[in-house]
Amino acid sequence: MKADSGPMTARRAGRRVLKHAIWLMIAWWTGGAWVLYFDDAPTLVRNLATFQAPAIAYVWIAILTASTYLLAGYMREQVCVYMCPWPRIQAALTDEWALNVTYKYDRGEPRCSVKKAFDIRALGDKAGDCIDCNQCVAV
């Protein structure tokens, strides 16, 4: 995002065109691989190269190329945030024995620095283990 905030230069425009050309090439290979998976690959490759393949092969390669480019090359962050199934899978696989980095209120309250917690414990009061390092927030 930082690279998109500056002025458009010839070098920057060239890099952007190259990036999207590479993404389109990857998408085309992916779309072709899916179509080749469901047919006799050597014969279909020969037919595609000589433009004698069935029209449906070209249509499906185009559809799969476009969807791969749009979802993986163009809308990467949006797909990860809104469409990725991993958070739902992870939530379904979590149980009471799973190792998760979470904040435990019974250990962390009342919050204070290490030095202050030592003084509070010396007086016989309860002090939490939290030292406000914000690592739980970062995770």
Protein backbone atom coordinates (compact mmCIF):
# COMPACT_ATOMS: atom_id res chain seq x y z
CA MET A 1 0.00 0.00 0.00
CA LYS A 2 2.94 2.29 0.66
CA ALA A 3 4.13 1.81 -2.93
CA ASP A 4 0.73 2.91 -4.25
CA SER A 5 0.82 6.24 -2.41
CA GLY A 6 3.59 7.87 -4.46
CA PRO A 7 3.40 9.50 -7.86
CA MET A 8 3.11 7.31 -10.95
CA THR A 9 6.46 7.08 -12.72
CA ALA A 10 7.46 5.08 -15.77
CA ARG A 11 9.41 2.64 -13.59
CA ARG A 12 6.47 2.17 -11.24
CA ALA A 13 4.02 1.73 -14.12
CA GLY A 14 6.35 -0.83 -15.71
CA ARG A 15 6.62 -2.78 -12.46
CA ARG A 16 2.84 -2.76 -12.06
CA VAL A 17 2.30 -4.00 -15.63
CA LEU A 18 4.96 -6.70 -15.14
CA LYS A 19 3.38 -7.80 -11.85
CA HIS A 20 -0.06 -8.17 -13.38
CA ALA A 21 1.36 -9.89 -16.47
CA ILE A 22 3.04 -12.45 -14.23
CA TRP A 23 -0.20 -12.92 -12.27
CA LEU A 24 -2.11 -13.42 -15.52
CA MET A 25 0.45 -15.99 -16.68
CA ILE A 26 0.15 -17.87 -13.38
CA ALA A 27 -3.66 -17.70 -13.64
CA TRP A 28 -3.56 -18.99 -17.22
CA TRP A 29 -1.35 -21.93 -16.21
CA THR A 30 -3.69 -22.67 -13.31
CA GLY A 31 -6.80 -22.51 -15.49
CA GLY A 32 -5.18 -24.68 -18.13
CA ALA A 33 -4.01 -27.21 -15.54
CA TRP A 34 -7.57 -27.62 -14.24
CA VAL A 35 -8.93 -28.21 -17.74
CA LEU A 36 -6.08 -30.58 -18.62
CA TYR A 37 -6.79 -32.57 -15.46
CA PHE A 38 -10.20 -33.58 -16.81
CA ASP A 39 -9.14 -34.56 -20.33
CA ASP A 40 -6.33 -36.31 -22.16
CA ALA A 41 -3.65 -33.70 -21.55
CA PRO A 42 -1.23 -34.36 -24.46
CA THR A 43 -4.06 -34.46 -27.00
CA LEU A 44 -5.77 -31.38 -25.59
CA VAL A 45 -2.52 -29.40 -25.50
CA ARG A 46 -1.92 -30.24 -29.17
CA ASN A 47 -5.50 -29.27 -30.03
CA LEU A 48 -5.28 -26.02 -28.03
CA ALA A 49 -2.01 -25.08 -29.75
CA THR A 50 -3.48 -25.71 -33.21
CA PHE A 51 -6.82 -24.06 -32.31
CA GLN A 52 -8.71 -27.32 -32.93
CA ALA A 53 -9.83 -27.88 -29.34
CA PRO A 54 -13.52 -27.77 -28.47
CA ALA A 55 -14.85 -24.32 -27.67
CA ILE A 56 -15.81 -25.43 -24.18
CA ALA A 57 -12.11 -26.01 -23.37
CA TYR A 58 -11.28 -22.41 -24.29
CA VAL A 59 -14.30 -21.14 -22.35
CA TRP A 60 -13.35 -23.01 -19.18
CA ILE A 61 -9.70 -21.98 -19.42
CA ALA A 62 -10.86 -18.37 -19.74
CA ILE A 63 -13.27 -18.68 -16.78
CA LEU A 64 -10.69 -20.32 -14.54
CA THR A 65 -7.97 -17.89 -15.64
CA ALA A 66 -10.20 -14.90 -14.90
CA SER A 67 -11.33 -16.22 -11.52
CA THR A 68 -7.77 -17.11 -10.48
CA TYR A 69 -6.44 -13.72 -11.56
CA LEU A 70 -9.23 -11.80 -9.86
CA LEU A 71 -9.21 -13.75 -6.60
CA ALA A 72 -5.48 -14.43 -6.21
CA GLY A 73 -3.82 -11.68 -8.19
CA TYR A 74 -6.07 -8.67 -7.82
CA MET A 75 -8.17 -9.10 -4.65
CA ARG A 76 -5.60 -10.90 -2.49
CA GLU A 77 -6.26 -9.14 0.81
CA GLN A 78 -10.04 -9.12 0.44
CA VAL A 79 -10.09 -12.85 -0.30
CA CYS A 80 -7.94 -13.57 2.75
CA VAL A 81 -10.07 -11.43 5.05
CA TYR A 82 -13.57 -12.24 3.80
CA MET A 83 -13.47 -15.57 1.97
CA CYS A 84 -10.73 -17.67 3.55
CA PRO A 85 -12.20 -20.66 5.37
CA TRP A 86 -9.20 -21.11 7.69
CA PRO A 87 -10.59 -19.11 10.67
CA ARG A 88 -13.80 -21.16 10.59
CA ILE A 89 -11.87 -24.42 10.34
CA GLN A 90 -9.60 -23.35 13.19
CA ALA A 91 -12.59 -22.45 15.35
CA ALA A 92 -14.13 -25.87 14.71
CA LEU A 93 -10.91 -27.65 15.66
CA THR A 94 -10.31 -25.75 18.89
CA ASP A 95 -11.07 -27.50 22.15
CA GLU A 96 -10.04 -27.07 25.79
CA TRP A 97 -6.68 -28.78 25.15
CA ALA A 98 -5.69 -26.64 22.14
CA LEU A 99 -2.71 -24.35 22.59
CA ASN A 100 -4.03 -20.85 21.95
CA VAL A 101 -2.41 -17.55 22.88
CA THR A 102 -5.14 -15.83 24.86
CA TYR A 103 -5.51 -13.46 27.77
CA LYS A 104 -6.40 -15.15 31.05
CA TYR A 105 -8.16 -12.77 33.39
CA ASP A 106 -7.45 -14.91 36.45
CA ARG A 107 -3.69 -14.54 35.90
CA GLY A 108 -3.52 -11.01 34.58
CA GLU A 109 -5.61 -8.85 36.91
CA PRO A 110 -4.84 -6.40 38.40
CA ARG A 111 -2.36 -5.31 35.76
CA CYS A 112 0.85 -3.62 36.80
CA SER A 113 4.54 -3.47 36.02
CA VAL A 114 6.88 -6.13 37.33
CA LYS A 115 8.38 -3.76 39.91
CA LYS A 116 4.97 -2.59 41.12
CA ALA A 117 3.69 -6.18 41.26
CA PHE A 118 6.66 -7.12 43.47
CA ASP A 119 5.81 -4.28 45.88
CA ILE A 120 2.10 -5.20 45.93
CA ARG A 121 2.87 -8.86 46.64
CA ALA A 122 5.25 -7.82 49.42
CA LEU A 123 2.28 -6.11 51.10
CA GLY A 124 0.28 -9.34 50.79
CA ASP A 125 -2.12 -8.12 48.10
CA LYS A 126 -2.89 -9.89 44.85
CA ALA A 127 -1.03 -8.77 41.73
CA GLY A 128 -1.51 -10.15 38.26
CA ASP A 129 1.17 -11.68 36.08
CA CYS A 130 0.42 -9.27 33.24
CA ILE A 131 3.23 -6.79 32.64
CA ASP A 132 1.46 -4.84 29.86
CA CYS A 133 3.88 -5.99 27.17
CA ASN A 134 0.93 -6.17 24.69
CA GLN A 135 2.18 -9.46 23.22
CA CYS A 136 -1.27 -11.00 23.64
CA VAL A 137 -2.71 -8.09 21.65
CA ALA A 138 -0.06 -8.47 18.95
CA VAL A 139 -0.83 -12.17 18.54
